[in-house]
Amino acid sequence: MKGTKERILDASVSLFNQHGVVNVRLQHIADEAFLSIGNLAYHYKNKEAIVVAIHEDLQNDLKALMSELNIVPLFEYMDHYFHQLFLLQRHYGFFFTDMLEVFRNYPNIKEEHVQLIDWQKGQYRQMLTFNENRGVLRLSDWPEQLDFTIDQLWMQSYLYGNFQSIHDLPQTNKDYCNRIWGTIIPLLTPMGINELKQLGTGIVR
């Protein structure tokens, strides 16, 4: 059985995903978690404390997922990571679709998350360099190519939900992964293309 704090955070994530952070009040969260407002305030004194706690969970989940990938970042594990990243972002959907709003209202979260983004980009750098060294990627055509590719991977993964929502397009795990692989495919060597084909993603024929 879930504890009270976990119930509060689950209720908050659900409401934030449905209505956006700015439109949800503490009373809404208390009602969703079947608690009195006093009981909720005993655990989290205000909405900011709740958003901070959710962001801590998000950071921990992202770091665990990224650390698992970088043990051996072969294409098979990269594909698994992209699929899991989609599920994680769907769970914390409000944060990615309302990121600027969250940062505007909670500047301390912005500061922490920018550090997380920098760390995540560093992990992408290791992932790409590892695969260049084993001959499946080519990243040396121009000096800025590695940095550009890292930024593209970050934007594809973080801004996917916003892009799909703006264009009224469905958000699916397969489409999400294909778009990220689409950033990497132009950099594949013939050996890399063959390896990706063997994964059976269908994006390379």
Protein backbone atom coordinates (compact mmCIF):
# COMPACT_ATOMS: atom_id res chain seq x y z
CA MET A 1 0.00 0.00 0.00
CA LYS A 2 1.31 3.43 -0.94
CA GLY A 3 2.31 5.90 1.75
CA THR A 4 0.67 9.30 2.06
CA LYS A 5 3.54 11.24 0.47
CA GLU A 6 3.60 8.90 -2.52
CA ARG A 7 -0.18 9.24 -2.93
CA ILE A 8 0.16 13.02 -2.89
CA LEU A 9 2.89 12.99 -5.54
CA ASP A 10 0.98 10.52 -7.72
CA ALA A 11 -2.16 12.65 -7.49
CA SER A 12 -0.16 15.78 -8.27
CA VAL A 13 1.51 14.29 -11.35
CA SER A 14 -1.86 13.10 -12.64
CA LEU A 15 -3.48 16.51 -12.18
CA PHE A 16 -0.50 18.43 -13.54
CA ASN A 17 -0.52 16.22 -16.63
CA GLN A 18 -4.23 16.84 -17.17
CA HIS A 19 -4.50 20.54 -16.36
CA GLY A 20 -1.00 22.04 -16.19
CA VAL A 21 0.88 23.10 -13.08
CA VAL A 22 -0.51 26.65 -12.86
CA ASN A 23 -4.14 25.47 -12.99
CA VAL A 24 -3.92 23.02 -10.07
CA ARG A 25 -4.43 24.15 -6.47
CA LEU A 26 -3.60 22.31 -3.26
CA GLN A 27 -7.29 21.61 -2.69
CA HIS A 28 -7.46 19.81 -6.05
CA ILE A 29 -4.51 17.64 -5.04
CA ALA A 30 -5.99 16.89 -1.62
CA ASP A 31 -9.27 15.84 -3.21
CA GLU A 32 -7.49 13.64 -5.77
CA ALA A 33 -5.45 11.95 -3.02
CA PHE A 34 -8.53 11.62 -0.73
CA LEU A 35 -6.91 13.73 2.00
CA SER A 36 -7.83 16.78 3.97
CA ILE A 37 -5.98 19.95 3.07
CA GLY A 38 -4.45 19.90 6.55
CA ASN A 39 -3.11 16.38 6.09
CA LEU A 40 -1.61 17.34 2.74
CA ALA A 41 -0.01 20.49 4.20
CA TYR A 42 1.55 18.38 6.98
CA HIS A 43 3.60 16.55 4.33
CA TYR A 44 4.05 19.37 1.77
CA LYS A 45 3.52 22.93 2.98
CA ASN A 46 2.79 24.33 -0.48
CA LYS A 47 2.63 23.47 -4.17
CA GLU A 48 6.25 24.41 -4.71
CA ALA A 49 7.34 21.72 -2.24
CA ILE A 50 5.33 19.19 -4.23
CA VAL A 51 6.81 20.27 -7.57
CA VAL A 52 10.32 20.14 -6.08
CA ALA A 53 9.71 16.59 -4.80
CA ILE A 54 8.39 15.48 -8.21
CA HIS A 55 11.42 17.03 -9.90
CA GLU A 56 13.73 15.11 -7.55
CA ASP A 57 11.99 11.87 -8.57
CA LEU A 58 12.33 12.84 -12.23
CA GLN A 59 16.04 13.58 -11.81
CA ASN A 60 16.66 10.27 -10.08
CA ASP A 61 14.75 8.33 -12.75
CA LEU A 62 16.60 10.09 -15.59
CA LYS A 63 19.99 9.52 -14.00
CA ALA A 64 19.27 5.85 -13.33
CA LEU A 65 18.13 5.34 -16.93
CA MET A 66 21.10 7.19 -18.41
CA SER A 67 23.64 5.47 -16.15
CA GLU A 68 22.27 2.08 -17.17
CA LEU A 69 22.68 2.98 -20.85
CA ASN A 70 26.28 4.08 -20.55
CA ILE A 71 27.52 0.77 -19.13
CA VAL A 72 27.74 -0.56 -22.72
CA PRO A 73 26.00 1.86 -25.15
CA LEU A 74 25.59 -0.50 -28.09
CA PHE A 75 22.71 0.18 -30.48
CA GLU A 76 20.55 -2.47 -28.79
CA TYR A 77 20.83 -0.71 -25.44
CA MET A 78 20.44 2.73 -27.00
CA ASP A 79 17.14 1.62 -28.54
CA HIS A 80 15.97 0.26 -25.19
CA TYR A 81 16.96 3.56 -23.55
CA PHE A 82 14.97 5.60 -26.09
CA HIS A 83 11.88 3.45 -25.46
CA GLN A 84 12.21 3.81 -21.68
CA LEU A 85 12.84 7.54 -21.99
CA PHE A 86 9.56 7.92 -23.87
CA LEU A 87 7.69 6.13 -21.06
CA LEU A 88 9.39 8.26 -18.42
CA GLN A 89 8.52 11.46 -20.25
CA ARG A 90 4.92 10.34 -20.63
CA HIS A 91 4.75 9.76 -16.88
CA TYR A 92 6.12 13.25 -16.13
CA GLY A 93 4.45 14.74 -19.20
CA PHE A 94 3.58 18.10 -17.65
CA PHE A 95 7.22 18.85 -16.93
CA PHE A 96 8.25 18.53 -20.56
CA THR A 97 5.23 20.29 -22.06
CA ASP A 98 5.19 23.07 -19.42
CA MET A 99 8.95 23.26 -18.85
CA LEU A 100 9.25 27.02 -19.37
CA GLU A 101 6.25 27.64 -17.11
CA VAL A 102 7.79 25.46 -14.39
CA PHE A 103 11.12 27.27 -14.71
CA ARG A 104 9.42 30.67 -14.63
CA ASN A 105 7.55 29.87 -11.42
CA TYR A 106 10.28 27.83 -9.72
CA PRO A 107 13.74 29.25 -10.61
CA ASN A 108 15.53 26.87 -8.22
CA ILE A 109 14.20 23.94 -10.23
CA LYS A 110 15.46 25.58 -13.43
CA GLU A 111 18.96 25.86 -11.98
CA GLU A 112 18.99 22.21 -10.93
CA HIS A 113 17.53 20.99 -14.19
CA VAL A 114 20.01 22.90 -16.34
CA GLN A 115 22.74 21.05 -14.45
CA LEU A 116 20.93 17.78 -15.18
CA ILE A 117 20.71 18.66 -18.88
CA ASP A 118 24.44 19.40 -18.98
CA TRP A 119 25.12 16.04 -17.32
CA GLN A 120 22.81 14.28 -19.75
CA LYS A 121 24.57 15.87 -22.71
CA GLY A 122 27.86 14.65 -21.27
CA GLN A 123 26.46 11.13 -21.21
CA TYR A 124 25.36 11.50 -24.85
CA ARG A 125 28.90 12.59 -25.69
CA GLN A 126 30.30 9.38 -24.17
CA MET A 127 27.67 7.31 -25.98
CA LEU A 128 28.43 8.82 -29.39
CA THR A 129 32.20 8.76 -28.94
CA PHE A 130 32.07 5.11 -27.89
CA ASN A 131 30.19 4.22 -31.06
CA GLU A 132 32.49 6.29 -33.26
CA ASN A 133 35.48 4.46 -31.77
CA ARG A 134 33.98 1.07 -32.61
CA GLY A 135 33.37 2.14 -36.20
CA VAL A 136 29.59 2.42 -36.46
CA LEU A 137 29.39 6.25 -36.43
CA ARG A 138 31.32 8.98 -38.25
CA LEU A 139 31.46 12.24 -36.31
CA SER A 140 34.60 13.91 -37.64
CA ASP A 141 33.41 15.55 -40.87
CA TRP A 142 33.40 19.02 -39.29
CA PRO A 143 34.60 20.20 -35.86
CA GLU A 144 31.18 21.10 -34.41
CA GLN A 145 29.42 17.93 -35.56
CA LEU A 146 29.57 16.13 -32.22
CA ASP A 147 28.22 19.12 -30.28
CA PHE A 148 25.52 19.69 -32.90
CA THR A 149 24.45 16.05 -32.77
CA ILE A 150 24.27 16.10 -28.97
CA ASP A 151 22.04 19.19 -29.06
CA GLN A 152 19.84 17.59 -31.72
CA LEU A 153 19.43 14.42 -29.65
CA TRP A 154 18.49 16.47 -26.62
CA MET A 155 15.95 18.55 -28.53
CA GLN A 156 14.39 15.52 -30.21
CA SER A 157 13.98 13.74 -26.89
CA TYR A 158 12.87 16.69 -24.74
CA LEU A 159 10.68 18.64 -27.15
CA TYR A 160 8.90 15.74 -28.84
CA GLY A 161 5.69 16.16 -26.84
CA ASN A 162 5.49 19.88 -27.59
CA PHE A 163 6.05 19.33 -31.31
CA GLN A 164 3.38 16.62 -31.53
CA SER A 165 0.88 18.65 -29.51
CA ILE A 166 1.36 21.78 -31.64
CA HIS A 167 0.61 19.76 -34.78
CA ASP A 168 -2.18 17.66 -33.17
CA LEU A 169 -0.22 14.48 -33.82
CA PRO A 170 -0.35 11.31 -31.73
CA GLN A 171 2.55 10.55 -29.42
CA THR A 172 3.75 6.97 -29.77
CA ASN A 173 6.79 5.13 -28.52
CA LYS A 174 7.69 3.95 -32.03
CA ASP A 175 7.48 7.42 -33.58
CA TYR A 176 9.47 8.91 -30.70
CA CYS A 177 12.30 6.40 -31.11
CA ASN A 178 12.30 6.71 -34.90
CA ARG A 179 12.71 10.48 -34.68
CA ILE A 180 15.69 10.12 -32.35
CA TRP A 181 17.28 7.45 -34.54
CA GLY A 182 16.63 9.80 -37.48
CA THR A 183 19.17 12.18 -35.95
CA ILE A 184 21.77 9.42 -35.77
CA ILE A 185 21.18 7.60 -39.08
CA PRO A 186 22.94 10.18 -41.33
CA LEU A 187 26.09 9.58 -39.25
CA LEU A 188 26.09 5.79 -39.56
CA THR A 189 28.87 3.96 -41.34
CA PRO A 190 27.97 0.92 -43.47
CA MET A 191 28.72 -1.25 -40.43
CA GLY A 192 26.42 0.92 -38.34
CA ILE A 193 23.61 0.66 -40.89
CA ASN A 194 23.87 -3.14 -40.88
CA GLU A 195 23.83 -3.22 -37.09
CA LEU A 196 20.73 -1.02 -36.92
CA LYS A 197 19.00 -3.18 -39.52
CA GLN A 198 19.60 -6.23 -37.34
CA LEU A 199 17.70 -4.58 -34.49
CA GLY A 200 14.53 -4.84 -36.57
CA THR A 201 13.31 -1.32 -35.83
CA GLY A 202 12.15 -0.94 -39.43
CA ILE A 203 13.58 2.56 -39.69
CA VAL A 204 16.48 1.35 -41.89
CA ARG A 205 15.72 -1.03 -44.75
